[in-house]
């Protein structure tokens, strides 16, 4: 699936929100759910190892953070036994399980969802009987890096931002991006480029490009 088709698929979630959310609020729902699904897919290959390491360190009474981070093979982790597909298997406790799942992330990721005021949006979705439908939609979208490259994911995210900006009827200067969101998305975009970034001349070039892209995105992301 190309990035235009993938963007359109994610954007179609907006159809579920009409009547309960203003158009200018669509981004506040869809962007964090897109990030959540991407993180869910990125962490999936090491999920079992992370949970096993967490239980091992917990039984030993040792601080687990660094151990599970290494097992995750990322700079972030999630110690909840839940993932998005499993969330769909218990509709009666969906809201509580989703909240628990978010709390299972490492503190830096939890802070991102806090800045999105994600808990508030989850509560609104729950009250509107939309939480299951929105989660189901995202759970069926494959955002695994083997399927959606980091570069493609970046383009998809930018396309979503552009769409939300167009329907918000707000000027570009009224949008901003939390620094933590930018940092996380950059990490996901360049997750496969560690070797290149370790070389000074290549890192400098990438840094210049990133600075340009970051400044542009900071003026346009809807949160």
N, C-alpha and C. Protein backbone atom coordinates (compact mmCIF):
# COMPACT_ATOMS: atom_id res chain seq x y z
N UNK A 1 0.85 -1.19 0.00
CA UNK A 1 0.00 0.00 0.00
C UNK A 1 0.89 1.25 0.00
N UNK A 2 0.65 2.15 -0.96
CA UNK A 2 1.46 3.36 -1.00
C UNK A 2 1.01 4.34 0.08
N UNK A 3 1.80 5.39 0.28
CA UNK A 3 1.52 6.30 1.39
C UNK A 3 0.22 7.08 1.21
N UNK A 4 -0.16 7.36 -0.05
CA UNK A 4 -1.42 8.06 -0.27
C UNK A 4 -2.60 7.19 0.16
N UNK A 5 -2.55 5.90 -0.20
CA UNK A 5 -3.63 4.98 0.18
C UNK A 5 -3.66 4.77 1.69
N UNK A 6 -2.47 4.67 2.30
CA UNK A 6 -2.42 4.47 3.74
C UNK A 6 -2.93 5.71 4.47
N UNK A 7 -2.56 6.88 4.00
CA UNK A 7 -3.06 8.13 4.59
C UNK A 7 -4.57 8.20 4.50
N UNK A 8 -5.11 7.81 3.33
CA UNK A 8 -6.55 7.84 3.13
C UNK A 8 -7.25 6.85 4.06
N UNK A 9 -6.64 5.69 4.27
CA UNK A 9 -7.22 4.69 5.16
C UNK A 9 -7.29 5.22 6.59
N UNK A 10 -6.20 5.81 7.06
CA UNK A 10 -6.19 6.37 8.41
C UNK A 10 -7.16 7.54 8.51
N UNK A 11 -7.16 8.38 7.49
CA UNK A 11 -8.04 9.54 7.46
C UNK A 11 -9.51 9.14 7.53
N UNK A 12 -9.85 7.95 7.02
CA UNK A 12 -11.25 7.50 7.00
C UNK A 12 -11.83 7.34 8.40
N UNK A 13 -10.97 7.29 9.41
CA UNK A 13 -11.45 7.25 10.80
C UNK A 13 -12.29 8.48 11.10
N UNK A 14 -12.01 9.58 10.40
CA UNK A 14 -12.77 10.82 10.62
C UNK A 14 -14.26 10.61 10.38
N UNK A 15 -14.61 9.66 9.50
CA UNK A 15 -16.03 9.38 9.24
C UNK A 15 -16.75 8.93 10.51
N UNK A 16 -16.02 8.26 11.39
CA UNK A 16 -16.63 7.79 12.64
C UNK A 16 -16.85 8.94 13.63
N UNK A 17 -16.08 10.00 13.48
CA UNK A 17 -16.09 11.08 14.47
C UNK A 17 -17.14 12.14 14.18
N UNK A 18 -17.63 12.17 12.95
CA UNK A 18 -18.58 13.22 12.57
C UNK A 18 -19.83 13.16 13.44
N UNK A 19 -20.24 14.33 13.92
CA UNK A 19 -21.43 14.41 14.77
C UNK A 19 -21.11 14.44 16.24
N UNK A 20 -19.95 13.89 16.62
CA UNK A 20 -19.54 13.88 18.03
C UNK A 20 -18.31 14.73 18.28
N UNK A 21 -17.53 14.99 17.23
CA UNK A 21 -16.34 15.82 17.34
C UNK A 21 -16.38 16.89 16.25
N UNK A 22 -15.86 18.06 16.55
CA UNK A 22 -15.71 19.09 15.55
C UNK A 22 -14.60 18.69 14.58
N UNK A 23 -14.67 19.21 13.37
CA UNK A 23 -13.62 18.90 12.40
C UNK A 23 -12.24 19.29 12.92
N UNK A 24 -12.17 20.41 13.63
CA UNK A 24 -10.88 20.87 14.15
C UNK A 24 -10.34 19.96 15.24
N UNK A 25 -11.17 19.01 15.73
CA UNK A 25 -10.75 18.08 16.78
C UNK A 25 -10.31 16.73 16.23
N UNK A 26 -10.52 16.50 14.95
CA UNK A 26 -10.20 15.19 14.39
C UNK A 26 -8.73 14.82 14.63
N UNK A 27 -7.86 15.80 14.44
CA UNK A 27 -6.43 15.53 14.62
C UNK A 27 -6.07 15.14 16.03
N UNK A 28 -6.82 15.66 17.00
CA UNK A 28 -6.55 15.35 18.40
C UNK A 28 -6.88 13.90 18.74
N UNK A 29 -7.67 13.27 17.90
CA UNK A 29 -8.00 11.85 18.07
C UNK A 29 -7.09 10.99 17.19
N UNK A 30 -7.02 11.31 15.91
CA UNK A 30 -6.38 10.43 14.95
C UNK A 30 -4.86 10.43 15.06
N UNK A 31 -4.25 11.59 15.30
CA UNK A 31 -2.79 11.63 15.38
C UNK A 31 -2.25 10.77 16.53
N UNK A 32 -2.75 10.90 17.77
CA UNK A 32 -2.20 10.04 18.83
C UNK A 32 -2.51 8.56 18.62
N UNK A 33 -3.67 8.23 18.03
CA UNK A 33 -3.96 6.83 17.75
C UNK A 33 -3.03 6.29 16.67
N UNK A 34 -2.66 7.13 15.72
CA UNK A 34 -1.70 6.71 14.69
C UNK A 34 -0.34 6.43 15.32
N UNK A 35 0.10 7.32 16.20
CA UNK A 35 1.36 7.10 16.91
C UNK A 35 1.28 5.84 17.76
N UNK A 36 0.16 5.65 18.45
CA UNK A 36 0.00 4.47 19.31
C UNK A 36 0.09 3.19 18.50
N UNK A 37 -0.55 3.17 17.34
CA UNK A 37 -0.51 1.97 16.52
C UNK A 37 0.90 1.70 16.00
N UNK A 38 1.60 2.77 15.60
CA UNK A 38 2.98 2.61 15.13
C UNK A 38 3.86 2.05 16.24
N UNK A 39 3.75 2.60 17.44
CA UNK A 39 4.53 2.09 18.57
C UNK A 39 4.18 0.64 18.85
N UNK A 40 2.90 0.32 18.80
CA UNK A 40 2.43 -1.04 19.04
C UNK A 40 3.10 -2.01 18.07
N UNK A 41 3.18 -1.62 16.81
CA UNK A 41 3.79 -2.48 15.79
C UNK A 41 5.31 -2.55 15.94
N UNK A 42 5.94 -1.42 16.27
CA UNK A 42 7.39 -1.39 16.43
C UNK A 42 7.83 -2.31 17.57
N UNK A 43 7.07 -2.33 18.65
CA UNK A 43 7.45 -3.11 19.83
C UNK A 43 7.01 -4.57 19.76
N UNK A 44 6.17 -4.91 18.80
CA UNK A 44 5.59 -6.26 18.75
C UNK A 44 6.65 -7.38 18.70
N UNK A 45 7.73 -7.27 17.91
CA UNK A 45 8.67 -8.39 17.80
C UNK A 45 9.36 -8.75 19.11
N UNK A 46 9.52 -7.79 20.02
CA UNK A 46 10.23 -8.06 21.28
C UNK A 46 9.29 -8.10 22.48
N UNK A 47 7.99 -8.10 22.23
CA UNK A 47 7.00 -8.02 23.32
C UNK A 47 7.17 -9.14 24.33
N UNK A 48 7.28 -10.37 23.87
CA UNK A 48 7.40 -11.51 24.80
C UNK A 48 8.67 -11.42 25.63
N UNK A 49 9.77 -11.05 25.01
CA UNK A 49 11.04 -10.93 25.73
C UNK A 49 10.98 -9.83 26.78
N UNK A 50 10.33 -8.73 26.44
CA UNK A 50 10.21 -7.61 27.38
C UNK A 50 9.38 -8.01 28.59
N UNK A 51 8.26 -8.68 28.37
CA UNK A 51 7.41 -9.11 29.48
C UNK A 51 8.12 -10.12 30.38
N UNK A 52 8.85 -11.04 29.76
CA UNK A 52 9.59 -12.03 30.54
C UNK A 52 10.67 -11.36 31.38
N UNK A 53 11.37 -10.39 30.81
CA UNK A 53 12.42 -9.67 31.54
C UNK A 53 11.82 -8.84 32.66
N UNK A 54 10.68 -8.23 32.40
CA UNK A 54 10.00 -7.44 33.43
C UNK A 54 9.64 -8.30 34.64
N UNK A 55 9.05 -9.47 34.37
CA UNK A 55 8.67 -10.37 35.46
C UNK A 55 9.91 -10.85 36.22
N UNK A 56 10.98 -11.13 35.51
CA UNK A 56 12.22 -11.60 36.14
C UNK A 56 12.78 -10.55 37.08
N UNK A 57 12.85 -9.31 36.63
CA UNK A 57 13.42 -8.25 37.45
C UNK A 57 12.48 -7.88 38.60
N UNK A 58 11.19 -7.97 38.37
CA UNK A 58 10.23 -7.68 39.43
C UNK A 58 10.33 -8.69 40.56
N UNK A 59 10.48 -9.97 40.19
CA UNK A 59 10.64 -11.00 41.22
C UNK A 59 11.93 -10.80 42.00
N UNK A 60 12.95 -10.31 41.35
CA UNK A 60 14.24 -10.09 42.00
C UNK A 60 14.27 -8.79 42.79
N UNK A 61 13.23 -7.98 42.65
CA UNK A 61 13.17 -6.71 43.37
C UNK A 61 14.15 -5.69 42.84
N UNK A 62 14.46 -5.78 41.55
CA UNK A 62 15.44 -4.89 40.92
C UNK A 62 14.71 -3.91 40.00
N UNK A 63 15.20 -2.68 39.95
CA UNK A 63 14.64 -1.71 39.01
C UNK A 63 14.74 -2.27 37.59
N UNK A 64 13.63 -2.32 36.91
CA UNK A 64 13.55 -3.06 35.65
C UNK A 64 13.79 -2.21 34.40
N UNK A 65 13.74 -0.91 34.50
CA UNK A 65 13.66 -0.05 33.31
C UNK A 65 14.77 -0.32 32.29
N UNK A 66 16.00 -0.29 32.71
CA UNK A 66 17.10 -0.44 31.76
C UNK A 66 17.14 -1.85 31.17
N UNK A 67 16.75 -2.84 31.97
CA UNK A 67 16.75 -4.21 31.47
C UNK A 67 15.72 -4.41 30.37
N UNK A 68 14.50 -3.92 30.60
CA UNK A 68 13.46 -4.12 29.60
C UNK A 68 13.69 -3.23 28.38
N UNK A 69 14.33 -2.08 28.59
CA UNK A 69 14.64 -1.22 27.45
C UNK A 69 15.60 -1.93 26.49
N UNK A 70 16.59 -2.61 27.06
CA UNK A 70 17.52 -3.34 26.21
C UNK A 70 16.81 -4.49 25.49
N UNK A 71 15.89 -5.15 26.18
CA UNK A 71 15.15 -6.24 25.55
C UNK A 71 14.25 -5.74 24.43
N UNK A 72 13.75 -4.53 24.58
CA UNK A 72 12.86 -3.98 23.56
C UNK A 72 13.62 -3.60 22.29
N UNK A 73 14.94 -3.41 22.43
CA UNK A 73 15.80 -3.00 21.31
C UNK A 73 15.41 -1.63 20.78
N UNK A 74 14.77 -0.85 21.63
CA UNK A 74 14.40 0.52 21.31
C UNK A 74 14.82 1.39 22.51
N UNK A 75 14.58 2.69 22.39
CA UNK A 75 14.85 3.55 23.54
C UNK A 75 13.62 3.71 24.42
N UNK A 76 12.55 3.02 24.08
CA UNK A 76 11.31 3.06 24.85
C UNK A 76 10.79 1.63 24.96
N UNK A 77 9.78 1.42 25.81
CA UNK A 77 9.27 0.07 26.01
C UNK A 77 7.83 0.13 26.49
N UNK A 78 7.22 -1.05 26.59
CA UNK A 78 5.89 -1.17 27.19
C UNK A 78 5.84 -2.49 27.94
N UNK A 79 5.48 -2.42 29.22
CA UNK A 79 5.47 -3.60 30.07
C UNK A 79 4.06 -4.14 30.30
N UNK A 80 3.07 -3.55 29.63
CA UNK A 80 1.71 -4.06 29.74
C UNK A 80 1.56 -5.34 28.93
N UNK A 81 0.83 -6.33 29.45
CA UNK A 81 0.60 -7.55 28.66
C UNK A 81 -0.33 -7.31 27.48
N UNK A 82 -0.94 -6.12 27.43
CA UNK A 82 -1.88 -5.80 26.36
C UNK A 82 -1.15 -5.28 25.13
N UNK A 83 -1.79 -5.43 24.00
CA UNK A 83 -1.43 -4.71 22.78
C UNK A 83 -2.76 -4.39 22.10
N UNK A 84 -2.73 -3.71 20.97
CA UNK A 84 -3.99 -3.26 20.38
C UNK A 84 -4.90 -4.41 19.95
N UNK A 85 -4.38 -5.46 19.33
CA UNK A 85 -5.27 -6.58 19.01
C UNK A 85 -5.89 -7.22 20.26
N UNK A 86 -5.10 -7.35 21.34
CA UNK A 86 -5.65 -7.94 22.57
C UNK A 86 -6.70 -7.04 23.20
N UNK A 87 -6.53 -5.75 23.06
CA UNK A 87 -7.53 -4.82 23.61
C UNK A 87 -8.90 -5.09 23.02
N UNK A 88 -8.93 -5.46 21.74
CA UNK A 88 -10.20 -5.68 21.06
C UNK A 88 -10.91 -6.94 21.57
N UNK A 89 -10.19 -7.81 22.27
CA UNK A 89 -10.78 -9.06 22.74
C UNK A 89 -11.56 -8.93 24.02
N UNK A 90 -11.56 -7.76 24.64
CA UNK A 90 -12.29 -7.56 25.90
C UNK A 90 -13.03 -6.24 25.83
N UNK A 91 -14.12 -6.23 25.09
CA UNK A 91 -14.85 -5.00 24.83
C UNK A 91 -15.43 -4.41 26.11
N UNK A 92 -15.79 -5.26 27.07
CA UNK A 92 -16.41 -4.77 28.30
C UNK A 92 -15.46 -3.94 29.15
N UNK A 93 -14.16 -4.16 29.00
CA UNK A 93 -13.17 -3.45 29.82
C UNK A 93 -12.20 -2.65 28.93
N UNK A 94 -12.69 -2.26 27.78
CA UNK A 94 -11.82 -1.64 26.79
C UNK A 94 -11.17 -0.36 27.30
N UNK A 95 -11.95 0.52 27.89
CA UNK A 95 -11.41 1.81 28.33
C UNK A 95 -10.35 1.60 29.41
N UNK A 96 -10.65 0.77 30.41
CA UNK A 96 -9.70 0.52 31.50
C UNK A 96 -8.43 -0.15 30.98
N UNK A 97 -8.59 -1.11 30.08
CA UNK A 97 -7.43 -1.81 29.54
C UNK A 97 -6.57 -0.89 28.68
N UNK A 98 -7.21 0.01 27.94
CA UNK A 98 -6.45 0.96 27.13
C UNK A 98 -5.65 1.90 28.02
N UNK A 99 -6.26 2.37 29.08
CA UNK A 99 -5.56 3.24 30.02
C UNK A 99 -4.37 2.51 30.65
N UNK A 100 -4.58 1.24 30.99
CA UNK A 100 -3.50 0.43 31.57
C UNK A 100 -2.38 0.23 30.56
N UNK A 101 -2.76 0.02 29.31
CA UNK A 101 -1.77 -0.16 28.25
C UNK A 101 -0.90 1.08 28.09
N UNK A 102 -1.53 2.25 28.09
CA UNK A 102 -0.78 3.50 27.99
C UNK A 102 0.17 3.66 29.17
N UNK A 103 -0.28 3.29 30.36
CA UNK A 103 0.57 3.41 31.55
C UNK A 103 1.73 2.43 31.52
N UNK A 104 1.64 1.41 30.67
CA UNK A 104 2.73 0.44 30.57
C UNK A 104 3.92 0.94 29.77
N UNK A 105 3.77 2.06 29.06
CA UNK A 105 4.88 2.62 28.31
C UNK A 105 5.91 3.25 29.24
N UNK A 106 7.10 3.43 28.71
CA UNK A 106 8.14 4.15 29.44
C UNK A 106 7.70 5.60 29.63
N UNK A 107 8.25 6.28 30.65
CA UNK A 107 7.78 7.63 31.00
C UNK A 107 7.80 8.63 29.86
N UNK A 108 8.79 8.56 28.97
CA UNK A 108 8.86 9.54 27.89
C UNK A 108 7.67 9.41 26.94
N UNK A 109 7.26 8.18 26.67
CA UNK A 109 6.11 7.96 25.79
C UNK A 109 4.82 8.35 26.50
N UNK A 110 4.69 8.02 27.78
CA UNK A 110 3.50 8.42 28.53
C UNK A 110 3.34 9.93 28.52
N UNK A 111 4.45 10.65 28.58
CA UNK A 111 4.39 12.10 28.58
C UNK A 111 3.85 12.63 27.25
N UNK A 112 4.18 11.96 26.17
CA UNK A 112 3.66 12.36 24.86
C UNK A 112 2.15 12.28 24.84
N UNK A 113 1.60 11.15 25.29
CA UNK A 113 0.15 11.00 25.29
C UNK A 113 -0.52 11.94 26.29
N UNK A 114 0.18 12.25 27.35
CA UNK A 114 -0.34 13.23 28.29
C UNK A 114 -0.48 14.60 27.63
N UNK A 115 0.51 14.97 26.83
CA UNK A 115 0.48 16.27 26.16
C UNK A 115 -0.58 16.31 25.06
N UNK A 116 -0.93 15.17 24.53
CA UNK A 116 -2.03 15.09 23.59
C UNK A 116 -3.39 15.13 24.32
N UNK A 117 -3.36 15.08 25.65
CA UNK A 117 -4.59 14.96 26.45
C UNK A 117 -5.39 13.75 25.98
N UNK A 118 -4.65 12.67 25.79
CA UNK A 118 -5.22 11.46 25.23
C UNK A 118 -6.31 10.87 26.12
N UNK A 119 -6.11 10.91 27.43
CA UNK A 119 -7.11 10.35 28.35
C UNK A 119 -8.45 11.05 28.21
N UNK A 120 -8.41 12.36 27.98
CA UNK A 120 -9.65 13.12 27.81
C UNK A 120 -10.37 12.67 26.54
N UNK A 121 -9.63 12.48 25.46
CA UNK A 121 -10.23 12.04 24.22
C UNK A 121 -10.77 10.62 24.32
N UNK A 122 -10.07 9.76 25.03
CA UNK A 122 -10.55 8.39 25.23
C UNK A 122 -11.88 8.41 25.97
N UNK A 123 -11.98 9.26 26.98
CA UNK A 123 -13.23 9.37 27.74
C UNK A 123 -14.37 9.86 26.84
N UNK A 124 -14.09 10.83 25.99
CA UNK A 124 -15.12 11.33 25.08
C UNK A 124 -15.55 10.25 24.08
N UNK A 125 -14.58 9.50 23.57
CA UNK A 125 -14.90 8.42 22.65
C UNK A 125 -15.75 7.35 23.34
N UNK A 126 -15.41 7.06 24.59
CA UNK A 126 -16.16 6.07 25.36
C UNK A 126 -17.61 6.51 25.55
N UNK A 127 -17.79 7.75 25.93
CA UNK A 127 -19.14 8.26 26.18
C UNK A 127 -19.96 8.32 24.89
N UNK A 128 -19.29 8.50 23.77
CA UNK A 128 -19.98 8.56 22.48
C UNK A 128 -20.13 7.18 21.84
N UNK A 129 -19.72 6.14 22.57
CA UNK A 129 -19.78 4.76 22.06
C UNK A 129 -18.96 4.59 20.78
N UNK A 130 -17.83 5.29 20.73
CA UNK A 130 -16.97 5.23 19.55
C UNK A 130 -15.61 4.59 19.83
N UNK A 131 -15.30 4.36 21.09
CA UNK A 131 -13.95 3.89 21.43
C UNK A 131 -13.63 2.56 20.76
N UNK A 132 -14.55 1.63 20.82
CA UNK A 132 -14.31 0.32 20.21
C UNK A 132 -14.13 0.46 18.70
N UNK A 133 -14.98 1.26 18.06
CA UNK A 133 -14.94 1.41 16.60
C UNK A 133 -13.62 2.03 16.15
N UNK A 134 -13.16 3.06 16.88
CA UNK A 134 -11.90 3.71 16.52
C UNK A 134 -10.73 2.76 16.74
N UNK A 135 -10.71 2.08 17.88
CA UNK A 135 -9.63 1.13 18.15
C UNK A 135 -9.62 0.00 17.14
N UNK A 136 -10.79 -0.49 16.80
CA UNK A 136 -10.88 -1.58 15.81
C UNK A 136 -10.28 -1.15 14.48
N UNK A 137 -10.59 0.08 14.09
CA UNK A 137 -10.07 0.60 12.83
C UNK A 137 -8.55 0.61 12.83
N UNK A 138 -7.96 1.13 13.91
CA UNK A 138 -6.50 1.21 13.96
C UNK A 138 -5.86 -0.15 14.15
N UNK A 139 -6.49 -1.03 14.91
CA UNK A 139 -5.92 -2.35 15.16
C UNK A 139 -5.80 -3.15 13.86
N UNK A 140 -6.60 -2.81 12.88
CA UNK A 140 -6.58 -3.52 11.59
C UNK A 140 -5.69 -2.85 10.56
N UNK A 141 -4.97 -1.79 10.97
CA UNK A 141 -4.03 -1.12 10.08
C UNK A 141 -2.63 -1.58 10.44
N UNK A 142 -1.95 -2.17 9.51
CA UNK A 142 -0.60 -2.69 9.75
C UNK A 142 0.43 -1.58 9.54
N UNK A 143 1.01 -1.11 10.64
CA UNK A 143 2.04 -0.08 10.57
C UNK A 143 3.40 -0.62 11.01
N UNK A 144 3.57 -1.93 10.88
CA UNK A 144 4.86 -2.53 11.23
C UNK A 144 5.94 -2.02 10.29
N UNK A 145 7.14 -1.74 10.81
CA UNK A 145 8.24 -1.23 9.96
C UNK A 145 8.58 -2.12 8.77
N UNK A 146 8.30 -3.42 8.87
CA UNK A 146 8.55 -4.31 7.72
C UNK A 146 7.57 -4.04 6.58
N UNK A 147 6.44 -3.45 6.92
CA UNK A 147 5.41 -3.16 5.92
C UNK A 147 5.40 -1.69 5.53
N UNK A 148 5.56 -0.83 6.53
CA UNK A 148 5.57 0.63 6.31
C UNK A 148 6.92 1.14 6.78
N UNK A 149 7.76 1.51 5.83
CA UNK A 149 9.10 1.98 6.20
C UNK A 149 9.03 3.26 7.01
N UNK A 150 10.12 3.58 7.67
CA UNK A 150 10.17 4.80 8.47
C UNK A 150 9.95 6.04 7.62
N UNK A 151 10.54 6.04 6.43
CA UNK A 151 10.35 7.18 5.53
C UNK A 151 8.89 7.30 5.11
N UNK A 152 8.28 6.18 4.75
CA UNK A 152 6.88 6.20 4.34
C UNK A 152 5.99 6.63 5.50
N UNK A 153 6.30 6.16 6.71
CA UNK A 153 5.51 6.54 7.88
C UNK A 153 5.58 8.05 8.10
N UNK A 154 6.75 8.61 7.87
CA UNK A 154 6.90 10.05 8.02
C UNK A 154 6.03 10.82 7.03
N UNK A 155 6.01 10.35 5.77
CA UNK A 155 5.17 10.99 4.76
C UNK A 155 3.69 10.87 5.10
N UNK A 156 3.30 9.71 5.60
CA UNK A 156 1.90 9.50 5.99
C UNK A 156 1.52 10.47 7.10
N UNK A 157 2.38 10.59 8.09
CA UNK A 157 2.10 11.48 9.21
C UNK A 157 1.98 12.92 8.73
N UNK A 158 2.89 13.33 7.84
CA UNK A 158 2.83 14.70 7.31
C UNK A 158 1.56 14.93 6.50
N UNK A 159 1.11 13.92 5.75
CA UNK A 159 -0.11 14.06 4.96
C UNK A 159 -1.32 14.21 5.87
N UNK A 160 -1.34 13.46 6.96
CA UNK A 160 -2.44 13.60 7.92
C UNK A 160 -2.46 15.00 8.53
N UNK A 161 -1.29 15.48 8.89
CA UNK A 161 -1.18 16.82 9.45
C UNK A 161 -1.72 17.86 8.48
N UNK A 162 -1.36 17.70 7.20
CA UNK A 162 -1.82 18.65 6.18
C UNK A 162 -3.34 18.62 6.07
N UNK A 163 -3.92 17.45 6.07
CA UNK A 163 -5.38 17.33 5.96
C UNK A 163 -6.06 17.99 7.15
N UNK A 164 -5.55 17.74 8.35
CA UNK A 164 -6.16 18.33 9.53
C UNK A 164 -6.04 19.84 9.53
N UNK A 165 -4.92 20.33 9.04
CA UNK A 165 -4.72 21.77 8.97
C UNK A 165 -5.71 22.41 8.00
N UNK A 166 -5.99 21.73 6.90
CA UNK A 166 -6.88 22.26 5.88
C UNK A 166 -8.32 22.37 6.38
N UNK A 167 -8.77 21.41 7.19
CA UNK A 167 -10.17 21.43 7.63
C UNK A 167 -10.37 22.20 8.93
N UNK A 168 -9.27 22.63 9.55
CA UNK A 168 -9.39 23.28 10.86
C UNK A 168 -9.82 24.73 10.75
N UNK A 169 -9.63 25.33 9.55
CA UNK A 169 -9.94 26.75 9.36
C UNK A 169 -9.14 27.64 10.29
N UNK A 170 -7.95 27.19 10.64
CA UNK A 170 -7.05 27.97 11.47
C UNK A 170 -5.79 28.27 10.67
N UNK A 171 -5.09 29.30 11.05
CA UNK A 171 -3.85 29.64 10.36
C UNK A 171 -2.73 28.75 10.86
N UNK A 172 -1.67 28.64 10.05
CA UNK A 172 -0.55 27.76 10.40
C UNK A 172 0.05 28.16 11.74
N UNK A 173 0.06 29.44 12.05
CA UNK A 173 0.67 29.89 13.30
C UNK A 173 -0.08 29.47 14.53
N UNK A 174 -1.31 28.95 14.35
CA UNK A 174 -2.10 28.53 15.50
C UNK A 174 -1.85 27.07 15.86
N UNK A 175 -0.99 26.39 15.10
CA UNK A 175 -0.67 25.00 15.38
C UNK A 175 0.72 24.90 15.98
N UNK A 176 0.93 23.90 16.81
CA UNK A 176 2.25 23.68 17.35
C UNK A 176 2.45 22.20 17.62
N UNK A 177 3.70 21.81 17.72
CA UNK A 177 4.05 20.43 17.97
C UNK A 177 4.80 20.31 19.29
N UNK A 178 4.30 19.52 20.23
CA UNK A 178 5.09 19.28 21.43
C UNK A 178 6.46 18.72 21.05
N UNK A 179 7.51 19.21 21.67
CA UNK A 179 8.87 18.78 21.34
C UNK A 179 9.02 17.27 21.49
N UNK A 180 8.33 16.68 22.48
CA UNK A 180 8.45 15.24 22.71
C UNK A 180 7.88 14.45 21.55
N UNK A 181 6.80 14.97 20.93
CA UNK A 181 6.21 14.29 19.78
C UNK A 181 7.18 14.30 18.61
N UNK A 182 7.79 15.46 18.36
CA UNK A 182 8.77 15.57 17.28
C UNK A 182 9.92 14.59 17.52
N UNK A 183 10.43 14.55 18.75
CA UNK A 183 11.57 13.68 19.06
C UNK A 183 11.23 12.22 18.83
N UNK A 184 10.03 11.81 19.26
CA UNK A 184 9.64 10.41 19.10
C UNK A 184 9.49 10.06 17.63
N UNK A 185 8.82 10.91 16.86
CA UNK A 185 8.63 10.63 15.45
C UNK A 185 9.96 10.60 14.71
N UNK A 186 10.89 11.48 15.09
CA UNK A 186 12.22 11.47 14.48
C UNK A 186 12.91 10.14 14.77
N UNK A 187 12.79 9.69 16.01
CA UNK A 187 13.42 8.42 16.39
C UNK A 187 12.87 7.27 15.57
N UNK A 188 11.55 7.26 15.37
CA UNK A 188 10.93 6.20 14.59
C UNK A 188 11.32 6.30 13.12
N UNK A 189 11.42 7.54 12.61
CA UNK A 189 11.78 7.74 11.21
C UNK A 189 13.18 7.24 10.91
N UNK A 190 14.12 7.49 11.84
CA UNK A 190 15.52 7.19 11.58
C UNK A 190 16.02 5.98 12.36
N UNK A 191 15.08 5.11 12.74
CA UNK A 191 15.44 3.97 13.58
C UNK A 191 16.41 3.03 12.87
N UNK A 192 16.36 3.03 11.52
CA UNK A 192 17.22 2.13 10.76
C UNK A 192 18.52 2.80 10.33
N UNK A 193 18.74 4.05 10.76
CA UNK A 193 19.87 4.83 10.26
C UNK A 193 20.95 5.04 11.31
N UNK A 194 21.00 4.19 12.31
CA UNK A 194 21.97 4.39 13.39
C UNK A 194 23.40 4.43 12.86
N UNK A 195 23.75 3.54 11.92
CA UNK A 195 25.12 3.51 11.40
C UNK A 195 25.45 4.80 10.67
N UNK A 196 24.49 5.27 9.86
CA UNK A 196 24.74 6.50 9.11
C UNK A 196 24.88 7.68 10.05
N UNK A 197 24.06 7.72 11.07
CA UNK A 197 24.08 8.86 11.98
C UNK A 197 25.33 8.86 12.85
N UNK A 198 26.00 7.71 12.93
CA UNK A 198 27.23 7.64 13.74
C UNK A 198 28.43 8.22 12.99
N UNK A 199 28.27 8.48 11.67
CA UNK A 199 29.35 9.05 10.87
C UNK A 199 29.18 10.56 10.82
N UNK A 200 30.15 11.33 11.28
CA UNK A 200 29.99 12.77 11.44
C UNK A 200 29.47 13.50 10.23
N UNK A 201 30.01 13.23 9.02
CA UNK A 201 29.57 14.00 7.85
C UNK A 201 28.15 13.68 7.46
N UNK A 202 27.74 12.40 7.62
CA UNK A 202 26.37 12.03 7.30
C UNK A 202 25.41 12.54 8.36
N UNK A 203 25.83 12.49 9.61
CA UNK A 203 24.98 12.97 10.69
C UNK A 203 24.73 14.46 10.55
N UNK A 204 25.76 15.21 10.14
CA UNK A 204 25.61 16.66 9.98
C UNK A 204 24.60 16.97 8.89
N UNK A 205 24.67 16.24 7.79
CA UNK A 205 23.72 16.46 6.70
C UNK A 205 22.31 16.13 7.14
N UNK A 206 22.14 15.02 7.84
CA UNK A 206 20.82 14.62 8.32
C UNK A 206 20.29 15.63 9.32
N UNK A 207 21.18 16.14 10.16
CA UNK A 207 20.76 17.12 11.16
C UNK A 207 20.23 18.39 10.49
N UNK A 208 20.89 18.83 9.43
CA UNK A 208 20.44 20.02 8.72
C UNK A 208 19.07 19.79 8.11
N UNK A 209 18.88 18.60 7.51
CA UNK A 209 17.58 18.27 6.93
C UNK A 209 16.51 18.20 8.00
N UNK A 210 16.82 17.55 9.12
CA UNK A 210 15.88 17.38 10.21
C UNK A 210 15.48 18.72 10.80
N UNK A 211 16.44 19.64 10.94
CA UNK A 211 16.13 20.94 11.50
C UNK A 211 15.13 21.66 10.62
N UNK A 212 15.33 21.57 9.31
CA UNK A 212 14.40 22.20 8.38
C UNK A 212 13.02 21.60 8.48
N UNK A 213 12.94 20.26 8.50
CA UNK A 213 11.66 19.58 8.57
C UNK A 213 10.99 19.83 9.90
N UNK A 214 11.76 19.82 10.98
CA UNK A 214 11.19 20.03 12.31
C UNK A 214 10.59 21.39 12.46
N UNK A 215 11.27 22.42 11.93
CA UNK A 215 10.75 23.77 12.04
C UNK A 215 9.45 23.92 11.27
N UNK A 216 9.35 23.24 10.12
CA UNK A 216 8.14 23.30 9.33
C UNK A 216 7.00 22.60 10.05
N UNK A 217 7.28 21.38 10.57
CA UNK A 217 6.23 20.61 11.22
C UNK A 217 5.73 21.30 12.48
N UNK A 218 6.63 21.98 13.18
CA UNK A 218 6.24 22.63 14.43
C UNK A 218 5.20 23.71 14.20
N UNK A 219 5.08 24.18 12.98
CA UNK A 219 4.09 25.21 12.71
C UNK A 219 2.78 24.62 12.22
N UNK A 220 2.74 23.29 12.01
CA UNK A 220 1.57 22.78 11.34
C UNK A 220 0.84 21.63 12.03
N UNK A 221 1.46 20.94 13.00
CA UNK A 221 0.80 19.78 13.60
C UNK A 221 -0.34 20.23 14.48
N UNK A 222 -1.47 19.56 14.36
CA UNK A 222 -2.64 19.87 15.17
C UNK A 222 -2.61 19.07 16.45
N UNK A 223 -2.49 19.75 17.59
CA UNK A 223 -2.60 19.08 18.88
C UNK A 223 -3.31 20.02 19.81
